[in-house]
């Protein structure tokens, strides 16, 4: 099966998170992976509203992620 570029990018980010010595929650890992994909897909400036519109999570979720 052929992998798309975004699938390959997700795999790279996942491998990078696995090699991180810090213990990260699964919810943080999934949100971080989704955030990195949004950075690749969305053009120019990115705000929480755009991230909420283009993903499964709400803009509040991304706001909380950045507050931590």
PDB file of N, CA and C in Angstrom:
ATOM      1  N   UNK A   1       0.841  -1.166   0.000  1.00  0.00           N
ATOM      2  CA  UNK A   1       0.000   0.000   0.000  1.00  0.00           C
ATOM      3  C   UNK A   1       0.896   1.244   0.000  1.00  0.00           C
ATOM      4  N   UNK A   2       0.542   2.221  -0.813  1.00  0.00           N
ATOM      5  CA  UNK A   2       1.311   3.456  -0.895  1.00  0.00           C
ATOM      6  C   UNK A   2       0.932   4.390   0.237  1.00  0.00           C
ATOM      7  N   UNK A   3       1.944   4.995   0.830  1.00  0.00           N
ATOM      8  CA  UNK A   3       1.712   5.962   1.898  1.00  0.00           C
ATOM      9  C   UNK A   3       1.744   7.359   1.314  1.00  0.00           C
ATOM     10  N   UNK A   4       0.845   8.187   1.784  1.00  0.00           N
ATOM     11  CA  UNK A   4       0.855   9.578   1.347  1.00  0.00           C
ATOM     12  C   UNK A   4       1.953  10.319   2.100  1.00  0.00           C
ATOM     13  N   UNK A   5       2.223  11.533   1.644  1.00  0.00           N
ATOM     14  CA  UNK A   5       3.259  12.342   2.287  1.00  0.00           C
ATOM     15  C   UNK A   5       2.882  12.664   3.731  1.00  0.00           C
ATOM     16  N   UNK A   6       1.595  12.903   3.983  1.00  0.00           N
ATOM     17  CA  UNK A   6       1.163  13.204   5.345  1.00  0.00           C
ATOM     18  C   UNK A   6       1.282  11.989   6.253  1.00  0.00           C
ATOM     19  N   UNK A   7       1.034  10.803   5.721  1.00  0.00           N
ATOM     20  CA  UNK A   7       1.220   9.580   6.507  1.00  0.00           C
ATOM     21  C   UNK A   7       2.689   9.398   6.883  1.00  0.00           C
ATOM     22  N   UNK A   8       3.571   9.672   5.944  1.00  0.00           N
ATOM     23  CA  UNK A   8       4.995   9.568   6.220  1.00  0.00           C
ATOM     24  C   UNK A   8       5.425  10.601   7.253  1.00  0.00           C
ATOM     25  N   UNK A   9       4.885  11.816   7.139  1.00  0.00           N
ATOM     26  CA  UNK A   9       5.211  12.875   8.093  1.00  0.00           C
ATOM     27  C   UNK A   9       4.715  12.509   9.486  1.00  0.00           C
ATOM     28  N   UNK A  10       3.508  11.939   9.556  1.00  0.00           N
ATOM     29  CA  UNK A  10       2.967  11.504  10.848  1.00  0.00           C
ATOM     30  C   UNK A  10       3.842  10.428  11.467  1.00  0.00           C
ATOM     31  N   UNK A  11       4.351   9.543  10.638  1.00  0.00           N
ATOM     32  CA  UNK A  11       5.232   8.484  11.122  1.00  0.00           C
ATOM     33  C   UNK A  11       6.539   9.065  11.671  1.00  0.00           C
ATOM     34  N   UNK A  12       7.080  10.082  11.010  1.00  0.00           N
ATOM     35  CA  UNK A  12       8.312  10.726  11.465  1.00  0.00           C
ATOM     36  C   UNK A  12       8.102  11.394  12.818  1.00  0.00           C
ATOM     37  N   UNK A  13       6.986  12.116  12.951  1.00  0.00           N
ATOM     38  CA  UNK A  13       6.690  12.798  14.217  1.00  0.00           C
ATOM     39  C   UNK A  13       6.475  11.772  15.325  1.00  0.00           C
ATOM     40  N   UNK A  14       5.787  10.694  15.032  1.00  0.00           N
ATOM     41  CA  UNK A  14       5.546   9.642  16.024  1.00  0.00           C
ATOM     42  C   UNK A  14       6.858   9.020  16.483  1.00  0.00           C
ATOM     43  N   UNK A  15       7.757   8.753  15.552  1.00  0.00           N
ATOM     44  CA  UNK A  15       9.061   8.195  15.917  1.00  0.00           C
ATOM     45  C   UNK A  15       9.860   9.170  16.773  1.00  0.00           C
ATOM     46  N   UNK A  16       9.768  10.453  16.458  1.00  0.00           N
ATOM     47  CA  UNK A  16      10.482  11.456  17.243  1.00  0.00           C
ATOM     48  C   UNK A  16       9.935  11.511  18.669  1.00  0.00           C
ATOM     49  N   UNK A  17       8.632  11.404  18.817  1.00  0.00           N
ATOM     50  CA  UNK A  17       8.036  11.421  20.155  1.00  0.00           C
ATOM     51  C   UNK A  17       8.389  10.166  20.946  1.00  0.00           C
ATOM     52  N   UNK A  18       8.511   9.050  20.254  1.00  0.00           N
ATOM     53  CA  UNK A  18       8.886   7.802  20.944  1.00  0.00           C
ATOM     54  C   UNK A  18      10.305   7.871  21.485  1.00  0.00           C
ATOM     55  N   UNK A  19      11.171   8.579  20.776  1.00  0.00           N
ATOM     56  CA  UNK A  19      12.559   8.665  21.227  1.00  0.00           C
ATOM     57  C   UNK A  19      12.758   9.728  22.309  1.00  0.00           C
ATOM     58  N   UNK A  20      11.720  10.464  22.630  1.00  0.00           N
ATOM     59  CA  UNK A  20      11.792  11.486  23.672  1.00  0.00           C
ATOM     60  C   UNK A  20      11.859  10.806  25.040  1.00  0.00           C
ATOM     61  N   UNK A  21      12.848  11.179  25.877  1.00  0.00           N
ATOM     62  CA  UNK A  21      12.980  10.518  27.183  1.00  0.00           C
ATOM     63  C   UNK A  21      11.888  10.913  28.186  1.00  0.00           C
ATOM     64  N   UNK A  22      11.220  12.035  27.970  1.00  0.00           N
ATOM     65  CA  UNK A  22      10.175  12.480  28.897  1.00  0.00           C
ATOM     66  C   UNK A  22       8.921  11.648  28.700  1.00  0.00           C
ATOM     67  N   UNK A  23       8.201  11.443  29.794  1.00  0.00           N
ATOM     68  CA  UNK A  23       6.936  10.715  29.701  1.00  0.00           C
ATOM     69  C   UNK A  23       5.846  11.697  29.273  1.00  0.00           C
ATOM     70  N   UNK A  24       5.207  11.392  28.165  1.00  0.00           N
ATOM     71  CA  UNK A  24       4.153  12.251  27.639  1.00  0.00           C
ATOM     72  C   UNK A  24       2.839  11.488  27.624  1.00  0.00           C
ATOM     73  N   UNK A  25       1.768  12.186  27.920  1.00  0.00           N
ATOM     74  CA  UNK A  25       0.445  11.550  27.874  1.00  0.00           C
ATOM     75  C   UNK A  25       0.046  11.270  26.433  1.00  0.00           C
ATOM     76  N   UNK A  26      -0.789  10.257  26.280  1.00  0.00           N
ATOM     77  CA  UNK A  26      -1.248   9.891  24.951  1.00  0.00           C
ATOM     78  C   UNK A  26      -2.056  11.027  24.326  1.00  0.00           C
ATOM     79  N   UNK A  27      -2.845  11.721  25.136  1.00  0.00           N
ATOM     80  CA  UNK A  27      -3.637  12.826  24.605  1.00  0.00           C
ATOM     81  C   UNK A  27      -2.747  13.948  24.081  1.00  0.00           C
ATOM     82  N   UNK A  28      -1.629  14.200  24.773  1.00  0.00           N
ATOM     83  CA  UNK A  28      -0.695  15.221  24.305  1.00  0.00           C
ATOM     84  C   UNK A  28      -0.029  14.783  23.011  1.00  0.00           C
ATOM     85  N   UNK A  29       0.355  13.509  22.939  1.00  0.00           N
ATOM     86  CA  UNK A  29       1.016  13.005  21.735  1.00  0.00           C
ATOM     87  C   UNK A  29       0.111  13.124  20.517  1.00  0.00           C
ATOM     88  N   UNK A  30      -1.147  12.709  20.658  1.00  0.00           N
ATOM     89  CA  UNK A  30      -2.051  12.778  19.510  1.00  0.00           C
ATOM     90  C   UNK A  30      -2.331  14.222  19.101  1.00  0.00           C
ATOM     91  N   UNK A  31      -2.492  15.103  20.075  1.00  0.00           N
ATOM     92  CA  UNK A  31      -2.729  16.514  19.754  1.00  0.00           C
ATOM     93  C   UNK A  31      -1.493  17.124  19.098  1.00  0.00           C
ATOM     94  N   UNK A  32      -0.301  16.743  19.559  1.00  0.00           N
ATOM     95  CA  UNK A  32       0.930  17.273  18.988  1.00  0.00           C
ATOM     96  C   UNK A  32       1.118  16.802  17.550  1.00  0.00           C
ATOM     97  N   UNK A  33       0.827  15.543  17.291  1.00  0.00           N
ATOM     98  CA  UNK A  33       0.925  15.014  15.927  1.00  0.00           C
ATOM     99  C   UNK A  33      -0.039  15.753  15.010  1.00  0.00           C
ATOM    100  N   UNK A  34      -1.255  15.944  15.481  1.00  0.00           N
ATOM    101  CA  UNK A  34      -2.246  16.659  14.685  1.00  0.00           C
ATOM    102  C   UNK A  34      -1.812  18.109  14.450  1.00  0.00           C
ATOM    103  N   UNK A  35      -1.211  18.711  15.457  1.00  0.00           N
ATOM    104  CA  UNK A  35      -0.725  20.080  15.338  1.00  0.00           C
ATOM    105  C   UNK A  35       0.375  20.185  14.286  1.00  0.00           C
ATOM    106  N   UNK A  36       1.295  19.242  14.277  1.00  0.00           N
ATOM    107  CA  UNK A  36       2.378  19.266  13.286  1.00  0.00           C
ATOM    108  C   UNK A  36       1.846  19.091  11.871  1.00  0.00           C
ATOM    109  N   UNK A  37       0.835  18.258  11.711  1.00  0.00           N
ATOM    110  CA  UNK A  37       0.231  18.084  10.387  1.00  0.00           C
ATOM    111  C   UNK A  37      -0.474  19.368   9.954  1.00  0.00           C
ATOM    112  N   UNK A  38      -1.153  20.030  10.891  1.00  0.00           N
ATOM    113  CA  UNK A  38      -1.811  21.295  10.562  1.00  0.00           C
ATOM    114  C   UNK A  38      -0.802  22.355  10.146  1.00  0.00           C
ATOM    115  N   UNK A  39       0.362  22.375  10.775  1.00  0.00           N
ATOM    116  CA  UNK A  39       1.405  23.316  10.378  1.00  0.00           C
ATOM    117  C   UNK A  39       1.859  23.064   8.940  1.00  0.00           C
ATOM    118  N   UNK A  40       1.845  21.808   8.530  1.00  0.00           N
ATOM    119  CA  UNK A  40       2.238  21.494   7.156  1.00  0.00           C
ATOM    120  C   UNK A  40       1.147  21.867   6.153  1.00  0.00           C
ATOM    121  N   UNK A  41      -0.103  21.746   6.546  1.00  0.00           N
ATOM    122  CA  UNK A  41      -1.218  21.903   5.610  1.00  0.00           C
ATOM    123  C   UNK A  41      -1.699  23.346   5.487  1.00  0.00           C
ATOM    124  N   UNK A  42      -1.803  24.041   6.611  1.00  0.00           N
ATOM    125  CA  UNK A  42      -2.367  25.393   6.598  1.00  0.00           C
ATOM    126  C   UNK A  42      -1.348  26.406   6.078  1.00  0.00           C
ATOM    127  N   UNK A  43      -1.779  27.272   5.168  1.00  0.00           N
ATOM    128  CA  UNK A  43      -0.852  28.266   4.630  1.00  0.00           C
ATOM    129  C   UNK A  43      -0.716  29.482   5.547  1.00  0.00           C
ATOM    130  N   UNK A  44       0.391  30.157   5.442  1.00  0.00           N
ATOM    131  CA  UNK A  44       0.667  31.432   6.118  1.00  0.00           C
ATOM    132  C   UNK A  44       0.495  31.376   7.616  1.00  0.00           C
ATOM    133  N   UNK A  45      -0.079  32.455   8.153  1.00  0.00           N
ATOM    134  CA  UNK A  45      -0.285  32.533   9.596  1.00  0.00           C
ATOM    135  C   UNK A  45      -1.341  31.529  10.033  1.00  0.00           C
ATOM    136  N   UNK A  46      -1.109  30.936  11.193  1.00  0.00           N
ATOM    137  CA  UNK A  46      -2.041  29.940  11.707  1.00  0.00           C
ATOM    138  C   UNK A  46      -2.564  30.436  13.046  1.00  0.00           C
ATOM    139  N   UNK A  47      -3.876  30.368  13.231  1.00  0.00           N
ATOM    140  CA  UNK A  47      -4.456  30.725  14.522  1.00  0.00           C
ATOM    141  C   UNK A  47      -5.323  29.575  15.017  1.00  0.00           C
ATOM    142  N   UNK A  48      -5.810  29.710  16.247  1.00  0.00           N
ATOM    143  CA  UNK A  48      -6.568  28.619  16.865  1.00  0.00           C
ATOM    144  C   UNK A  48      -7.882  28.352  16.140  1.00  0.00           C
ATOM    145  N   UNK A  49      -8.491  29.385  15.590  1.00  0.00           N
ATOM    146  CA  UNK A  49      -9.751  29.212  14.865  1.00  0.00           C
ATOM    147  C   UNK A  49      -9.538  28.354  13.630  1.00  0.00           C
ATOM    148  N   UNK A  50      -8.470  28.631  12.874  1.00  0.00           N
ATOM    149  CA  UNK A  50      -8.173  27.823  11.689  1.00  0.00           C
ATOM    150  C   UNK A  50      -7.887  26.371  12.074  1.00  0.00           C
ATOM    151  N   UNK A  51      -7.133  26.193  13.146  1.00  0.00           N
ATOM    152  CA  UNK A  51      -6.817  24.828  13.574  1.00  0.00           C
ATOM    153  C   UNK A  51      -8.083  24.080  13.980  1.00  0.00           C
ATOM    154  N   UNK A  52      -9.019  24.780  14.639  1.00  0.00           N
ATOM    155  CA  UNK A  52     -10.269  24.149  15.037  1.00  0.00           C
ATOM    156  C   UNK A  52     -11.129  23.775  13.855  1.00  0.00           C
ATOM    157  N   UNK A  53     -11.111  24.614  12.818  1.00  0.00           N
ATOM    158  CA  UNK A  53     -11.929  24.344  11.630  1.00  0.00           C
ATOM    159  C   UNK A  53     -11.388  23.183  10.808  1.00  0.00           C
ATOM    160  N   UNK A  54     -10.083  23.020  10.785  1.00  0.00           N
ATOM    161  CA  UNK A  54      -9.466  22.028   9.912  1.00  0.00           C
ATOM    162  C   UNK A  54      -9.105  20.717  10.611  1.00  0.00           C
ATOM    163  N   UNK A  55      -9.543  20.548  11.837  1.00  0.00           N
ATOM    164  CA  UNK A  55      -9.213  19.314  12.551  1.00  0.00           C
ATOM    165  C   UNK A  55     -10.435  18.791  13.298  1.00  0.00           C
ATOM    166  N   UNK A  56     -10.242  17.661  13.957  1.00  0.00           N
ATOM    167  CA  UNK A  56     -11.314  17.058  14.735  1.00  0.00           C
ATOM    168  C   UNK A  56     -11.509  17.759  16.076  1.00  0.00           C
ATOM    169  N   UNK A  57     -10.473  18.427  16.551  1.00  0.00           N
ATOM    170  CA  UNK A  57     -10.531  19.096  17.848  1.00  0.00           C
ATOM    171  C   UNK A  57     -11.029  20.533  17.707  1.00  0.00           C
ATOM    172  N   UNK A  58     -11.499  21.073  18.822  1.00  0.00           N
ATOM    173  CA  UNK A  58     -11.967  22.456  18.811  1.00  0.00           C
ATOM    174  C   UNK A  58     -10.791  23.400  19.023  1.00  0.00           C
ATOM    175  N   UNK A  59     -11.034  24.680  18.784  1.00  0.00           N
ATOM    176  CA  UNK A  59      -9.972  25.655  18.997  1.00  0.00           C
ATOM    177  C   UNK A  59      -9.596  25.749  20.471  1.00  0.00           C
ATOM    178  N   UNK A  60     -10.553  25.458  21.367  1.00  0.00           N
ATOM    179  CA  UNK A  60     -10.268  25.461  22.806  1.00  0.00           C
ATOM    180  C   UNK A  60      -9.218  24.408  23.155  1.00  0.00           C
ATOM    181  N   UNK A  61      -9.264  23.268  22.504  1.00  0.00           N
ATOM    182  CA  UNK A  61      -8.290  22.199  22.761  1.00  0.00           C
ATOM    183  C   UNK A  61      -6.878  22.671  22.446  1.00  0.00           C
ATOM    184  N   UNK A  62      -6.719  23.353  21.322  1.00  0.00           N
ATOM    185  CA  UNK A  62      -5.401  23.848  20.957  1.00  0.00           C
ATOM    186  C   UNK A  62      -4.955  24.980  21.878  1.00  0.00           C
ATOM    187  N   UNK A  63      -5.882  25.797  22.288  1.00  0.00           N
ATOM    188  CA  UNK A  63      -5.567  26.877  23.222  1.00  0.00           C
ATOM    189  C   UNK A  63      -5.055  26.289  24.544  1.00  0.00           C
ATOM    190  N   UNK A  64      -5.724  25.259  25.044  1.00  0.00           N
ATOM    191  CA  UNK A  64      -5.296  24.616  26.283  1.00  0.00           C
ATOM    192  C   UNK A  64      -3.923  23.955  26.112  1.00  0.00           C
ATOM    193  N   UNK A  65      -3.677  23.384  24.940  1.00  0.00           N
ATOM    194  CA  UNK A  65      -2.394  22.742  24.667  1.00  0.00           C
ATOM    195  C   UNK A  65      -1.267  23.772  24.720  1.00  0.00           C
ATOM    196  N   UNK A  66      -1.507  24.952  24.180  1.00  0.00           N
ATOM    197  CA  UNK A  66      -0.480  25.987  24.166  1.00  0.00           C
ATOM    198  C   UNK A  66      -0.317  26.652  25.519  1.00  0.00           C
ATOM    199  N   UNK A  67      -1.342  26.628  26.340  1.00  0.00           N
ATOM    200  CA  UNK A  67      -1.237  27.228  27.668  1.00  0.00           C
ATOM    201  C   UNK A  67      -0.317  26.420  28.570  1.00  0.00           C
ATOM    202  N   UNK A  68      -0.246  25.128  28.359  1.00  0.00           N
ATOM    203  CA  UNK A  68       0.614  24.267  29.179  1.00  0.00           C
ATOM    204  C   UNK A  68       2.035  24.547  28.791  1.00  0.00           C
TER     205      UNK A  68
END
